[in-house]
Amino acid sequence: MIGAIMFKEALKTAVESSGGYAGLLMDFEGIPVETYVASESPYDIEVVGAEVSVLVKQIQRTADMLQAGGTEEVSLRSEKMTTIVRVVSDRYFVAMTLSPTGNAGKARFALRLLAPQLVAELA
C-alpha cells in the first residue's frame, strides 16, 4: 500500500517512468486529490482533469446505456499531447498527460498498476 501521503510520490513515479508531463488523482466532480507536475509541463493538469472528467462521465453513461460494462480507461490523443485516464472507482480517476513522443504504453501500464493501490487507500 502506498499510504495517503504518498499519492504525490506515486504519481511522480508513474509520470517520470512514462515521459509524461503531469499526473493527477481527481474525483469526478473535478476536485483534485493530488497532482504531480514535471517542470517542463506546458499544461495545467487540474484544468485538463476537470475537462476530461466531463468526457469520462459521458462515456460512462454511454457504456451503461449500451450495457457494455464499466469504463476502465479513456485515452485522448491530440497533436500536442496525449491524456490517459484510468477510472479508479465510482468516485475517482487518475490521469496523466504526455508529450506526443511520450510512451503511452508505459503510461497505460503505470496507471493500471497504480489504480488498485489507490483504491485501497481511498476506501
PDB file of N, CA and C in Angstrom:
ATOM      1  N   MET A   1       0.833  -1.195   0.000  1.00  0.00           N
ATOM      2  CA  MET A   1       0.000   0.000   0.000  1.00  0.00           C
ATOM      3  C   MET A   1       0.872   1.252   0.000  1.00  0.00           C
ATOM      4  N   ILE A   2       0.339   2.310  -0.584  1.00  0.00           N
ATOM      5  CA  ILE A   2       1.176   3.493  -0.754  1.00  0.00           C
ATOM      6  C   ILE A   2       0.959   4.556   0.304  1.00  0.00           C
ATOM      7  N   GLY A   3      -0.103   4.491   1.084  1.00  0.00           N
ATOM      8  CA  GLY A   3      -0.338   5.491   2.117  1.00  0.00           C
ATOM      9  C   GLY A   3      -0.809   6.812   1.535  1.00  0.00           C
ATOM     10  N   ALA A   4      -1.740   7.450   2.223  1.00  0.00           N
ATOM     11  CA  ALA A   4      -2.372   8.674   1.718  1.00  0.00           C
ATOM     12  C   ALA A   4      -1.361   9.768   1.414  1.00  0.00           C
ATOM     13  N   ILE A   5      -0.307   9.873   2.196  1.00  0.00           N
ATOM     14  CA  ILE A   5       0.656  10.943   1.958  1.00  0.00           C
ATOM     15  C   ILE A   5       1.611  10.616   0.808  1.00  0.00           C
ATOM     16  N   MET A   6       1.508   9.433   0.269  1.00  0.00           N
ATOM     17  CA  MET A   6       2.391   9.013  -0.807  1.00  0.00           C
ATOM     18  C   MET A   6       1.768   9.161  -2.200  1.00  0.00           C
ATOM     19  N   PHE A   7       0.559   9.729  -2.300  1.00  0.00           N
ATOM     20  CA  PHE A   7      -0.073   9.891  -3.608  1.00  0.00           C
ATOM     21  C   PHE A   7       0.827  10.658  -4.570  1.00  0.00           C
ATOM     22  N   LYS A   8       1.404  11.752  -4.101  1.00  0.00           N
ATOM     23  CA  LYS A   8       2.253  12.579  -4.967  1.00  0.00           C
ATOM     24  C   LYS A   8       3.458  11.779  -5.469  1.00  0.00           C
ATOM     25  N   GLU A   9       4.095  11.040  -4.598  1.00  0.00           N
ATOM     26  CA  GLU A   9       5.260  10.246  -4.995  1.00  0.00           C
ATOM     27  C   GLU A   9       4.860   9.149  -5.988  1.00  0.00           C
ATOM     28  N   ALA A  10       3.707   8.536  -5.791  1.00  0.00           N
ATOM     29  CA  ALA A  10       3.229   7.513  -6.723  1.00  0.00           C
ATOM     30  C   ALA A  10       2.943   8.115  -8.092  1.00  0.00           C
ATOM     31  N   LEU A  11       2.332   9.294  -8.110  1.00  0.00           N
ATOM     32  CA  LEU A  11       2.077   9.980  -9.379  1.00  0.00           C
ATOM     33  C   LEU A  11       3.392  10.360 -10.058  1.00  0.00           C
ATOM     34  N   LYS A  12       4.342  10.857  -9.278  1.00  0.00           N
ATOM     35  CA  LYS A  12       5.645  11.247  -9.814  1.00  0.00           C
ATOM     36  C   LYS A  12       6.323  10.055 -10.491  1.00  0.00           C
ATOM     37  N   THR A  13       6.324   8.921  -9.828  1.00  0.00           N
ATOM     38  CA  THR A  13       6.945   7.724 -10.384  1.00  0.00           C
ATOM     39  C   THR A  13       6.282   7.328 -11.699  1.00  0.00           C
ATOM     40  N   ALA A  14       4.951   7.338 -11.725  1.00  0.00           N
ATOM     41  CA  ALA A  14       4.222   6.971 -12.943  1.00  0.00           C
ATOM     42  C   ALA A  14       4.523   7.940 -14.075  1.00  0.00           C
ATOM     43  N   VAL A  15       4.511   9.228 -13.785  1.00  0.00           N
ATOM     44  CA  VAL A  15       4.747  10.245 -14.811  1.00  0.00           C
ATOM     45  C   VAL A  15       6.175  10.151 -15.337  1.00  0.00           C
ATOM     46  N   GLU A  16       7.139  10.111 -14.455  1.00  0.00           N
ATOM     47  CA  GLU A  16       8.532  10.116 -14.880  1.00  0.00           C
ATOM     48  C   GLU A  16       8.926   8.833 -15.611  1.00  0.00           C
ATOM     49  N   SER A  17       8.336   7.710 -15.253  1.00  0.00           N
ATOM     50  CA  SER A  17       8.675   6.454 -15.934  1.00  0.00           C
ATOM     51  C   SER A  17       8.098   6.398 -17.344  1.00  0.00           C
ATOM     52  N   SER A  18       7.149   7.290 -17.645  1.00  0.00           N
ATOM     53  CA  SER A  18       6.472   7.280 -18.946  1.00  0.00           C
ATOM     54  C   SER A  18       6.836   8.469 -19.820  1.00  0.00           C
ATOM     55  N   GLY A  19       7.674   9.352 -19.336  1.00  0.00           N
ATOM     56  CA  GLY A  19       7.976  10.566 -20.097  1.00  0.00           C
ATOM     57  C   GLY A  19       6.809  11.518 -20.120  1.00  0.00           C
ATOM     58  N   GLY A  20       6.006  11.497 -19.065  1.00  0.00           N
ATOM     59  CA  GLY A  20       4.799  12.321 -19.007  1.00  0.00           C
ATOM     60  C   GLY A  20       5.065  13.753 -18.595  1.00  0.00           C
ATOM     61  N   TYR A  21       4.050  14.587 -18.828  1.00  0.00           N
ATOM     62  CA  TYR A  21       4.080  15.974 -18.365  1.00  0.00           C
ATOM     63  C   TYR A  21       3.615  16.070 -16.917  1.00  0.00           C
ATOM     64  N   ALA A  22       2.493  15.397 -16.624  1.00  0.00           N
ATOM     65  CA  ALA A  22       1.884  15.554 -15.301  1.00  0.00           C
ATOM     66  C   ALA A  22       0.893  14.425 -15.041  1.00  0.00           C
ATOM     67  N   GLY A  23       0.552  14.258 -13.766  1.00  0.00           N
ATOM     68  CA  GLY A  23      -0.449  13.272 -13.381  1.00  0.00           C
ATOM     69  C   GLY A  23      -1.296  13.817 -12.259  1.00  0.00           C
ATOM     70  N   LEU A  24      -2.507  13.278 -12.126  1.00  0.00           N
ATOM     71  CA  LEU A  24      -3.351  13.690 -11.019  1.00  0.00           C
ATOM     72  C   LEU A  24      -4.311  12.605 -10.618  1.00  0.00           C
ATOM     73  N   LEU A  25      -4.714  12.680  -9.373  1.00  0.00           N
ATOM     74  CA  LEU A  25      -5.800  11.886  -8.817  1.00  0.00           C
ATOM     75  C   LEU A  25      -6.907  12.877  -8.549  1.00  0.00           C
ATOM     76  N   MET A  26      -8.084  12.630  -9.101  1.00  0.00           N
ATOM     77  CA  MET A  26      -9.175  13.609  -9.024  1.00  0.00           C
ATOM     78  C   MET A  26     -10.503  12.884  -8.833  1.00  0.00           C
ATOM     79  N   ASP A  27     -11.446  13.545  -8.186  1.00  0.00           N
ATOM     80  CA  ASP A  27     -12.782  12.965  -8.125  1.00  0.00           C
ATOM     81  C   ASP A  27     -13.572  13.428  -9.349  1.00  0.00           C
ATOM     82  N   PHE A  28     -14.684  12.762  -9.602  1.00  0.00           N
ATOM     83  CA  PHE A  28     -15.459  13.063 -10.802  1.00  0.00           C
ATOM     84  C   PHE A  28     -16.202  14.393 -10.735  1.00  0.00           C
ATOM     85  N   GLU A  29     -16.114  15.070  -9.623  1.00  0.00           N
ATOM     86  CA  GLU A  29     -16.682  16.422  -9.516  1.00  0.00           C
ATOM     87  C   GLU A  29     -15.651  17.477  -9.919  1.00  0.00           C
ATOM     88  N   GLY A  30     -14.450  17.028 -10.254  1.00  0.00           N
ATOM     89  CA  GLY A  30     -13.405  17.955 -10.685  1.00  0.00           C
ATOM     90  C   GLY A  30     -12.542  18.487  -9.563  1.00  0.00           C
ATOM     91  N   ILE A  31     -12.590  17.849  -8.412  1.00  0.00           N
ATOM     92  CA  ILE A  31     -11.793  18.282  -7.267  1.00  0.00           C
ATOM     93  C   ILE A  31     -10.525  17.421  -7.191  1.00  0.00           C
ATOM     94  N   PRO A  32      -9.352  18.053  -7.340  1.00  0.00           N
ATOM     95  CA  PRO A  32      -8.114  17.272  -7.296  1.00  0.00           C
ATOM     96  C   PRO A  32      -7.789  16.800  -5.883  1.00  0.00           C
ATOM     97  N   VAL A  33      -7.365  15.546  -5.776  1.00  0.00           N
ATOM     98  CA  VAL A  33      -6.900  14.995  -4.508  1.00  0.00           C
ATOM     99  C   VAL A  33      -5.396  15.240  -4.399  1.00  0.00           C
ATOM    100  N   GLU A  34      -4.684  14.973  -5.507  1.00  0.00           N
ATOM    101  CA  GLU A  34      -3.238  15.176  -5.541  1.00  0.00           C
ATOM    102  C   GLU A  34      -2.801  15.344  -6.987  1.00  0.00           C
ATOM    103  N   THR A  35      -1.722  16.107  -7.183  1.00  0.00           N
ATOM    104  CA  THR A  35      -1.162  16.294  -8.514  1.00  0.00           C
ATOM    105  C   THR A  35       0.353  16.194  -8.448  1.00  0.00           C
ATOM    106  N   TYR A  36       0.927  15.865  -9.594  1.00  0.00           N
ATOM    107  CA  TYR A  36       2.372  15.950  -9.769  1.00  0.00           C
ATOM    108  C   TYR A  36       2.603  16.553 -11.135  1.00  0.00           C
ATOM    109  N   VAL A  37       3.432  17.578 -11.208  1.00  0.00           N
ATOM    110  CA  VAL A  37       3.728  18.251 -12.465  1.00  0.00           C
ATOM    111  C   VAL A  37       5.230  18.224 -12.689  1.00  0.00           C
ATOM    112  N   ALA A  38       5.640  17.685 -13.837  1.00  0.00           N
ATOM    113  CA  ALA A  38       7.047  17.739 -14.218  1.00  0.00           C
ATOM    114  C   ALA A  38       7.373  19.190 -14.571  1.00  0.00           C
ATOM    115  N   SER A  39       8.575  19.590 -14.361  1.00  0.00           N
ATOM    116  CA  SER A  39       8.940  21.001 -14.555  1.00  0.00           C
ATOM    117  C   SER A  39       8.723  21.492 -15.982  1.00  0.00           C
ATOM    118  N   GLU A  40       8.723  20.608 -16.963  1.00  0.00           N
ATOM    119  CA  GLU A  40       8.569  21.029 -18.351  1.00  0.00           C
ATOM    120  C   GLU A  40       7.120  20.991 -18.843  1.00  0.00           C
ATOM    121  N   SER A  41       6.160  20.787 -17.971  1.00  0.00           N
ATOM    122  CA  SER A  41       4.762  20.664 -18.386  1.00  0.00           C
ATOM    123  C   SER A  41       4.184  21.989 -18.893  1.00  0.00           C
ATOM    124  N   PRO A  42       3.691  22.008 -20.129  1.00  0.00           N
ATOM    125  CA  PRO A  42       3.062  23.234 -20.657  1.00  0.00           C
ATOM    126  C   PRO A  42       1.568  23.311 -20.344  1.00  0.00           C
ATOM    127  N   TYR A  43       1.028  22.304 -19.671  1.00  0.00           N
ATOM    128  CA  TYR A  43      -0.414  22.242 -19.424  1.00  0.00           C
ATOM    129  C   TYR A  43      -0.727  22.229 -17.938  1.00  0.00           C
ATOM    130  N   ASP A  44      -1.832  22.859 -17.570  1.00  0.00           N
ATOM    131  CA  ASP A  44      -2.321  22.840 -16.192  1.00  0.00           C
ATOM    132  C   ASP A  44      -3.102  21.545 -16.007  1.00  0.00           C
ATOM    133  N   ILE A  45      -2.520  20.599 -15.293  1.00  0.00           N
ATOM    134  CA  ILE A  45      -3.113  19.276 -15.144  1.00  0.00           C
ATOM    135  C   ILE A  45      -4.479  19.336 -14.459  1.00  0.00           C
ATOM    136  N   GLU A  46      -4.697  20.296 -13.582  1.00  0.00           N
ATOM    137  CA  GLU A  46      -6.004  20.393 -12.924  1.00  0.00           C
ATOM    138  C   GLU A  46      -7.084  20.805 -13.910  1.00  0.00           C
ATOM    139  N   VAL A  47      -6.765  21.695 -14.842  1.00  0.00           N
ATOM    140  CA  VAL A  47      -7.721  22.085 -15.875  1.00  0.00           C
ATOM    141  C   VAL A  47      -7.982  20.909 -16.809  1.00  0.00           C
ATOM    142  N   VAL A  48      -6.919  20.219 -17.206  1.00  0.00           N
ATOM    143  CA  VAL A  48      -7.083  19.041 -18.054  1.00  0.00           C
ATOM    144  C   VAL A  48      -7.991  18.031 -17.359  1.00  0.00           C
ATOM    145  N   GLY A  49      -7.719  17.756 -16.087  1.00  0.00           N
ATOM    146  CA  GLY A  49      -8.521  16.790 -15.334  1.00  0.00           C
ATOM    147  C   GLY A  49      -9.975  17.184 -15.225  1.00  0.00           C
ATOM    148  N   ALA A  50     -10.234  18.447 -14.939  1.00  0.00           N
ATOM    149  CA  ALA A  50     -11.618  18.908 -14.808  1.00  0.00           C
ATOM    150  C   ALA A  50     -12.361  18.748 -16.128  1.00  0.00           C
ATOM    151  N   GLU A  51     -11.722  19.101 -17.228  1.00  0.00           N
ATOM    152  CA  GLU A  51     -12.377  18.981 -18.540  1.00  0.00           C
ATOM    153  C   GLU A  51     -12.560  17.522 -18.938  1.00  0.00           C
ATOM    154  N   VAL A  52     -11.548  16.703 -18.688  1.00  0.00           N
ATOM    155  CA  VAL A  52     -11.623  15.295 -19.046  1.00  0.00           C
ATOM    156  C   VAL A  52     -12.664  14.569 -18.195  1.00  0.00           C
ATOM    157  N   SER A  53     -12.849  14.996 -16.943  1.00  0.00           N
ATOM    158  CA  SER A  53     -13.833  14.331 -16.085  1.00  0.00           C
ATOM    159  C   SER A  53     -15.226  14.410 -16.688  1.00  0.00           C
ATOM    160  N   VAL A  54     -15.541  15.509 -17.343  1.00  0.00           N
ATOM    161  CA  VAL A  54     -16.844  15.657 -18.002  1.00  0.00           C
ATOM    162  C   VAL A  54     -16.979  14.624 -19.120  1.00  0.00           C
ATOM    163  N   LEU A  55     -15.928  14.466 -19.917  1.00  0.00           N
ATOM    164  CA  LEU A  55     -15.957  13.488 -21.009  1.00  0.00           C
ATOM    165  C   LEU A  55     -16.073  12.063 -20.486  1.00  0.00           C
ATOM    166  N   VAL A  56     -15.324  11.752 -19.442  1.00  0.00           N
ATOM    167  CA  VAL A  56     -15.349  10.391 -18.899  1.00  0.00           C
ATOM    168  C   VAL A  56     -16.731  10.077 -18.336  1.00  0.00           C
ATOM    169  N   LYS A  57     -17.360  11.028 -17.670  1.00  0.00           N
ATOM    170  CA  LYS A  57     -18.721  10.798 -17.163  1.00  0.00           C
ATOM    171  C   LYS A  57     -19.676  10.512 -18.316  1.00  0.00           C
ATOM    172  N   GLN A  58     -19.541  11.230 -19.428  1.00  0.00           N
ATOM    173  CA  GLN A  58     -20.390  10.976 -20.589  1.00  0.00           C
ATOM    174  C   GLN A  58     -20.127   9.592 -21.174  1.00  0.00           C
ATOM    175  N   ILE A  59     -18.873   9.213 -21.232  1.00  0.00           N
ATOM    176  CA  ILE A  59     -18.522   7.882 -21.736  1.00  0.00           C
ATOM    177  C   ILE A  59     -19.078   6.801 -20.810  1.00  0.00           C
ATOM    178  N   GLN A  60     -19.017   7.030 -19.503  1.00  0.00           N
ATOM    179  CA  GLN A  60     -19.578   6.065 -18.553  1.00  0.00           C
ATOM    180  C   GLN A  60     -21.082   5.911 -18.756  1.00  0.00           C
ATOM    181  N   ARG A  61     -21.786   7.027 -18.961  1.00  0.00           N
ATOM    182  CA  ARG A  61     -23.237   6.957 -19.198  1.00  0.00           C
ATOM    183  C   ARG A  61     -23.536   6.190 -20.483  1.00  0.00           C
ATOM    184  N   THR A  62     -22.737   6.423 -21.506  1.00  0.00           N
ATOM    185  CA  THR A  62     -22.920   5.717 -22.773  1.00  0.00           C
ATOM    186  C   THR A  62     -22.682   4.223 -22.594  1.00  0.00           C
ATOM    187  N   ALA A  63     -21.621   3.856 -21.907  1.00  0.00           N
ATOM    188  CA  ALA A  63     -21.326   2.443 -21.660  1.00  0.00           C
ATOM    189  C   ALA A  63     -22.451   1.788 -20.865  1.00  0.00           C
ATOM    190  N   ASP A  64     -22.994   2.506 -19.882  1.00  0.00           N
ATOM    191  CA  ASP A  64     -24.123   1.979 -19.105  1.00  0.00           C
ATOM    192  C   ASP A  64     -25.337   1.778 -19.992  1.00  0.00           C
ATOM    193  N   MET A  65     -25.640   2.772 -20.820  1.00  0.00           N
ATOM    194  CA  MET A  65     -26.797   2.695 -21.702  1.00  0.00           C
ATOM    195  C   MET A  65     -26.671   1.504 -22.663  1.00  0.00           C
ATOM    196  N   LEU A  66     -25.470   1.268 -23.149  1.00  0.00           N
ATOM    197  CA  LEU A  66     -25.220   0.158 -24.066  1.00  0.00           C
ATOM    198  C   LEU A  66     -25.031  -1.174 -23.350  1.00  0.00           C
ATOM    199  N   GLN A  67     -25.046  -1.143 -22.026  1.00  0.00           N
ATOM    200  CA  GLN A  67     -24.798  -2.314 -21.194  1.00  0.00           C
ATOM    201  C   GLN A  67     -23.453  -2.954 -21.549  1.00  0.00           C
ATOM    202  N   ALA A  68     -22.448  -2.080 -21.737  1.00  0.00           N
ATOM    203  CA  ALA A  68     -21.112  -2.525 -22.124  1.00  0.00           C
ATOM    204  C   ALA A  68     -20.199  -2.778 -20.936  1.00  0.00           C
ATOM    205  N   GLY A  69     -20.687  -2.539 -19.740  1.00  0.00           N
ATOM    206  CA  GLY A  69     -19.864  -2.713 -18.551  1.00  0.00           C
ATOM    207  C   GLY A  69     -19.223  -1.406 -18.133  1.00  0.00           C
ATOM    208  N   GLY A  70     -18.502  -1.448 -17.053  1.00  0.00           N
ATOM    209  CA  GLY A  70     -17.890  -0.246 -16.502  1.00  0.00           C
ATOM    210  C   GLY A  70     -16.738   0.271 -17.352  1.00  0.00           C
ATOM    211  N   THR A  71     -16.577   1.569 -17.348  1.00  0.00           N
ATOM    212  CA  THR A  71     -15.474   2.204 -18.066  1.00  0.00           C
ATOM    213  C   THR A  71     -14.200   2.015 -17.253  1.00  0.00           C
ATOM    214  N   GLU A  72     -13.153   1.561 -17.900  1.00  0.00           N
ATOM    215  CA  GLU A  72     -11.881   1.345 -17.223  1.00  0.00           C
ATOM    216  C   GLU A  72     -10.844   2.383 -17.600  1.00  0.00           C
ATOM    217  N   GLU A  73     -10.785   2.737 -18.892  1.00  0.00           N
ATOM    218  CA  GLU A  73      -9.736   3.622 -19.361  1.00  0.00           C
ATOM    219  C   GLU A  73     -10.225   4.423 -20.557  1.00  0.00           C
ATOM    220  N   VAL A  74      -9.762   5.670 -20.621  1.00  0.00           N
ATOM    221  CA  VAL A  74     -10.074   6.548 -21.743  1.00  0.00           C
ATOM    222  C   VAL A  74      -8.780   7.240 -22.154  1.00  0.00           C
ATOM    223  N   SER A  75      -8.525   7.288 -23.451  1.00  0.00           N
ATOM    224  CA  SER A  75      -7.344   7.979 -23.972  1.00  0.00           C
ATOM    225  C   SER A  75      -7.776   9.057 -24.943  1.00  0.00           C
ATOM    226  N   LEU A  76      -7.099  10.182 -24.871  1.00  0.00           N
ATOM    227  CA  LEU A  76      -7.338  11.295 -25.784  1.00  0.00           C
ATOM    228  C   LEU A  76      -5.987  11.696 -26.357  1.00  0.00           C
ATOM    229  N   ARG A  77      -5.852  11.565 -27.654  1.00  0.00           N
ATOM    230  CA  ARG A  77      -4.576  11.906 -28.301  1.00  0.00           C
ATOM    231  C   ARG A  77      -4.821  13.087 -29.221  1.00  0.00           C
ATOM    232  N   SER A  78      -4.045  14.124 -29.020  1.00  0.00           N
ATOM    233  CA  SER A  78      -4.138  15.308 -29.876  1.00  0.00           C
ATOM    234  C   SER A  78      -2.751  15.597 -30.452  1.00  0.00           C
ATOM    235  N   GLU A  79      -2.679  16.642 -31.216  1.00  0.00           N
ATOM    236  CA  GLU A  79      -1.426  16.999 -31.873  1.00  0.00           C
ATOM    237  C   GLU A  79      -0.306  17.299 -30.878  1.00  0.00           C
ATOM    238  N   LYS A  80      -0.650  17.902 -29.734  1.00  0.00           N
ATOM    239  CA  LYS A  80       0.374  18.366 -28.809  1.00  0.00           C
ATOM    240  C   LYS A  80       0.457  17.594 -27.496  1.00  0.00           C
ATOM    241  N   MET A  81      -0.504  16.699 -27.249  1.00  0.00           N
ATOM    242  CA  MET A  81      -0.432  15.912 -26.025  1.00  0.00           C
ATOM    243  C   MET A  81      -1.341  14.702 -26.093  1.00  0.00           C
ATOM    244  N   THR A  82      -1.026  13.749 -25.242  1.00  0.00           N
ATOM    245  CA  THR A  82      -1.861  12.578 -25.038  1.00  0.00           C
ATOM    246  C   THR A  82      -2.294  12.595 -23.575  1.00  0.00           C
ATOM    247  N   THR A  83      -3.564  12.316 -23.347  1.00  0.00           N
ATOM    248  CA  THR A  83      -4.069  12.214 -21.981  1.00  0.00           C
ATOM    249  C   THR A  83      -4.666  10.827 -21.803  1.00  0.00           C
ATOM    250  N   ILE A  84      -4.244  10.154 -20.759  1.00  0.00           N
ATOM    251  CA  ILE A  84      -4.747   8.820 -20.446  1.00  0.00           C
ATOM    252  C   ILE A  84      -5.414   8.888 -19.083  1.00  0.00           C
ATOM    253  N   VAL A  85      -6.637   8.377 -19.022  1.00  0.00           N
ATOM    254  CA  VAL A  85      -7.422   8.393 -17.790  1.00  0.00           C
ATOM    255  C   VAL A  85      -7.725   6.954 -17.403  1.00  0.00           C
ATOM    256  N   ARG A  86      -7.469   6.623 -16.171  1.00  0.00           N
ATOM    257  CA  ARG A  86      -7.798   5.302 -15.623  1.00  0.00           C
ATOM    258  C   ARG A  86      -8.803   5.510 -14.500  1.00  0.00           C
ATOM    259  N   VAL A  87      -9.978   4.901 -14.624  1.00  0.00           N
ATOM    260  CA  VAL A  87     -11.001   5.007 -13.589  1.00  0.00           C
ATOM    261  C   VAL A  87     -10.559   4.154 -12.411  1.00  0.00           C
ATOM    262  N   VAL A  88     -10.533   4.773 -11.232  1.00  0.00           N
ATOM    263  CA  VAL A  88     -10.073   4.099 -10.020  1.00  0.00           C
ATOM    264  C   VAL A  88     -11.253   3.517  -9.251  1.00  0.00           C
ATOM    265  N   SER A  89     -12.347   4.263  -9.202  1.00  0.00           N
ATOM    266  CA  SER A  89     -13.561   3.833  -8.504  1.00  0.00           C
ATOM    267  C   SER A  89     -14.725   4.627  -9.083  1.00  0.00           C
ATOM    268  N   ASP A  90     -15.901   4.436  -8.511  1.00  0.00           N
ATOM    269  CA  ASP A  90     -17.051   5.201  -8.999  1.00  0.00           C
ATOM    270  C   ASP A  90     -16.933   6.682  -8.658  1.00  0.00           C
ATOM    271  N   ARG A  91     -15.953   7.026  -7.847  1.00  0.00           N
ATOM    272  CA  ARG A  91     -15.775   8.409  -7.416  1.00  0.00           C
ATOM    273  C   ARG A  91     -14.490   9.084  -7.889  1.00  0.00           C
ATOM    274  N   TYR A  92     -13.470   8.287  -8.216  1.00  0.00           N
ATOM    275  CA  TYR A  92     -12.152   8.847  -8.522  1.00  0.00           C
ATOM    276  C   TYR A  92     -11.567   8.297  -9.818  1.00  0.00           C
ATOM    277  N   PHE A  93     -10.680   9.100 -10.399  1.00  0.00           N
ATOM    278  CA  PHE A  93      -9.885   8.648 -11.531  1.00  0.00           C
ATOM    279  C   PHE A  93      -8.476   9.194 -11.389  1.00  0.00           C
ATOM    280  N   VAL A  94      -7.546   8.554 -12.082  1.00  0.00           N
ATOM    281  CA  VAL A  94      -6.169   9.017 -12.152  1.00  0.00           C
ATOM    282  C   VAL A  94      -5.902   9.300 -13.628  1.00  0.00           C
ATOM    283  N   ALA A  95      -5.189  10.388 -13.898  1.00  0.00           N
ATOM    284  CA  ALA A  95      -4.923  10.778 -15.281  1.00  0.00           C
ATOM    285  C   ALA A  95      -3.475  11.206 -15.432  1.00  0.00           C
ATOM    286  N   MET A  96      -2.984  11.080 -16.661  1.00  0.00           N
ATOM    287  CA  MET A  96      -1.637  11.506 -16.978  1.00  0.00           C
ATOM    288  C   MET A  96      -1.643  12.168 -18.347  1.00  0.00           C
ATOM    289  N   THR A  97      -0.899  13.276 -18.461  1.00  0.00           N
ATOM    290  CA  THR A  97      -0.676  13.895 -19.765  1.00  0.00           C
ATOM    291  C   THR A  97       0.757  13.620 -20.181  1.00  0.00           C
ATOM    292  N   LEU A  98       0.934  13.399 -21.474  1.00  0.00           N
ATOM    293  CA  LEU A  98       2.243  13.093 -22.028  1.00  0.00           C
ATOM    294  C   LEU A  98       2.489  13.947 -23.254  1.00  0.00           C
ATOM    295  N   SER A  99       3.745  14.087 -23.583  1.00  0.00           N
ATOM    296  CA  SER A  99       4.103  14.742 -24.836  1.00  0.00           C
ATOM    297  C   SER A  99       3.748  13.793 -25.977  1.00  0.00           C
ATOM    298  N   PRO A 100       3.714  14.315 -27.192  1.00  0.00           N
ATOM    299  CA  PRO A 100       3.438  13.426 -28.332  1.00  0.00           C
ATOM    300  C   PRO A 100       4.470  12.301 -28.465  1.00  0.00           C
ATOM    301  N   THR A 101       5.668  12.512 -27.932  1.00  0.00           N
ATOM    302  CA  THR A 101       6.699  11.482 -28.003  1.00  0.00           C
ATOM    303  C   THR A 101       6.779  10.638 -26.725  1.00  0.00           C
ATOM    304  N   GLY A 102       5.924  10.927 -25.750  1.00  0.00           N
ATOM    305  CA  GLY A 102       5.894  10.144 -24.525  1.00  0.00           C
ATOM    306  C   GLY A 102       5.456   8.716 -24.811  1.00  0.00           C
ATOM    307  N   ASN A 103       5.722   7.827 -23.908  1.00  0.00           N
ATOM    308  CA  ASN A 103       5.407   6.423 -24.103  1.00  0.00           C
ATOM    309  C   ASN A 103       4.029   6.118 -23.526  1.00  0.00           C
ATOM    310  N   ALA A 104       3.009   6.153 -24.386  1.00  0.00           N
ATOM    311  CA  ALA A 104       1.628   5.923 -23.949  1.00  0.00           C
ATOM    312  C   ALA A 104       1.441   4.510 -23.406  1.00  0.00           C
ATOM    313  N   GLY A 105       2.146   3.552 -23.964  1.00  0.00           N
ATOM    314  CA  GLY A 105       2.049   2.181 -23.467  1.00  0.00           C
ATOM    315  C   GLY A 105       2.543   2.066 -22.034  1.00  0.00           C
ATOM    316  N   LYS A 106       3.682   2.698 -21.750  1.00  0.00           N
ATOM    317  CA  LYS A 106       4.202   2.696 -20.380  1.00  0.00           C
ATOM    318  C   LYS A 106       3.255   3.439 -19.444  1.00  0.00           C
ATOM    319  N   ALA A 107       2.687   4.546 -19.923  1.00  0.00           N
ATOM    320  CA  ALA A 107       1.758   5.320 -19.102  1.00  0.00           C
ATOM    321  C   ALA A 107       0.521   4.487 -18.764  1.00  0.00           C
ATOM    322  N   ARG A 108      -0.026   3.822 -19.748  1.00  0.00           N
ATOM    323  CA  ARG A 108      -1.193   2.964 -19.508  1.00  0.00           C
ATOM    324  C   ARG A 108      -0.858   1.882 -18.491  1.00  0.00           C
ATOM    325  N   PHE A 109       0.308   1.259 -18.638  1.00  0.00           N
ATOM    326  CA  PHE A 109       0.737   0.209 -17.728  1.00  0.00           C
ATOM    327  C   PHE A 109       0.927   0.758 -16.314  1.00  0.00           C
ATOM    328  N   ALA A 110       1.593   1.908 -16.205  1.00  0.00           N
ATOM    329  CA  ALA A 110       1.827   2.517 -14.893  1.00  0.00           C
ATOM    330  C   ALA A 110       0.513   2.855 -14.194  1.00  0.00           C
ATOM    331  N   LEU A 111      -0.448   3.397 -14.940  1.00  0.00           N
ATOM    332  CA  LEU A 111      -1.736   3.743 -14.338  1.00  0.00           C
ATOM    333  C   LEU A 111      -2.528   2.489 -13.969  1.00  0.00           C
ATOM    334  N   ARG A 112      -2.413   1.444 -14.783  1.00  0.00           N
ATOM    335  CA  ARG A 112      -3.116   0.193 -14.474  1.00  0.00           C
ATOM    336  C   ARG A 112      -2.575  -0.421 -13.184  1.00  0.00           C
ATOM    337  N   LEU A 113      -1.267  -0.332 -12.963  1.00  0.00           N
ATOM    338  CA  LEU A 113      -0.678  -0.842 -11.720  1.00  0.00           C
ATOM    339  C   LEU A 113      -1.006   0.045 -10.524  1.00  0.00           C
ATOM    340  N   LEU A 114      -1.081   1.345 -10.761  1.00  0.00           N
ATOM    341  CA  LEU A 114      -1.324   2.297  -9.687  1.00  0.00           C
ATOM    342  C   LEU A 114      -2.768   2.259  -9.187  1.00  0.00           C
ATOM    343  N   ALA A 115      -3.715   2.029 -10.077  1.00  0.00           N
ATOM    344  CA  ALA A 115      -5.146   2.108  -9.725  1.00  0.00           C
ATOM    345  C   ALA A 115      -5.538   1.243  -8.527  1.00  0.00           C
ATOM    346  N   PRO A 116      -5.169  -0.043  -8.452  1.00  0.00           N
ATOM    347  CA  PRO A 116      -5.575  -0.848  -7.290  1.00  0.00           C
ATOM    348  C   PRO A 116      -5.009  -0.326  -5.966  1.00  0.00           C
ATOM    349  N   GLN A 117      -3.793   0.218  -6.015  1.00  0.00           N
ATOM    350  CA  GLN A 117      -3.201   0.780  -4.803  1.00  0.00           C
ATOM    351  C   GLN A 117      -4.002   1.994  -4.339  1.00  0.00           C
ATOM    352  N   LEU A 118      -4.423   2.814  -5.295  1.00  0.00           N
ATOM    353  CA  LEU A 118      -5.219   3.995  -4.953  1.00  0.00           C
ATOM    354  C   LEU A 118      -6.570   3.594  -4.387  1.00  0.00           C
ATOM    355  N   VAL A 119      -7.184   2.569  -4.965  1.00  0.00           N
ATOM    356  CA  VAL A 119      -8.482   2.092  -4.471  1.00  0.00           C
ATOM    357  C   VAL A 119      -8.369   1.711  -3.003  1.00  0.00           C
ATOM    358  N   ALA A 120      -7.307   0.986  -2.676  1.00  0.00           N
ATOM    359  CA  ALA A 120      -7.116   0.535  -1.289  1.00  0.00           C
ATOM    360  C   ALA A 120      -6.963   1.716  -0.343  1.00  0.00           C
ATOM    361  N   GLU A 121      -6.288   2.756  -0.772  1.00  0.00           N
ATOM    362  CA  GLU A 121      -6.062   3.918   0.089  1.00  0.00           C
ATOM    363  C   GLU A 121      -7.272   4.844   0.175  1.00  0.00           C
ATOM    364  N   LEU A 122      -8.087   4.866  -0.871  1.00  0.00           N
ATOM    365  CA  LEU A 122      -9.239   5.769  -0.902  1.00  0.00           C
ATOM    366  C   LEU A 122     -10.465   5.171  -0.237  1.00  0.00           C
ATOM    367  N   ALA A 123     -10.445   3.880   0.037  1.00  0.00           N
ATOM    368  CA  ALA A 123     -11.605   3.201   0.624  1.00  0.00           C
ATOM    369  C   ALA A 123     -11.880   3.650   2.039  1.00  0.00           C
TER     370      ALA A 123
END
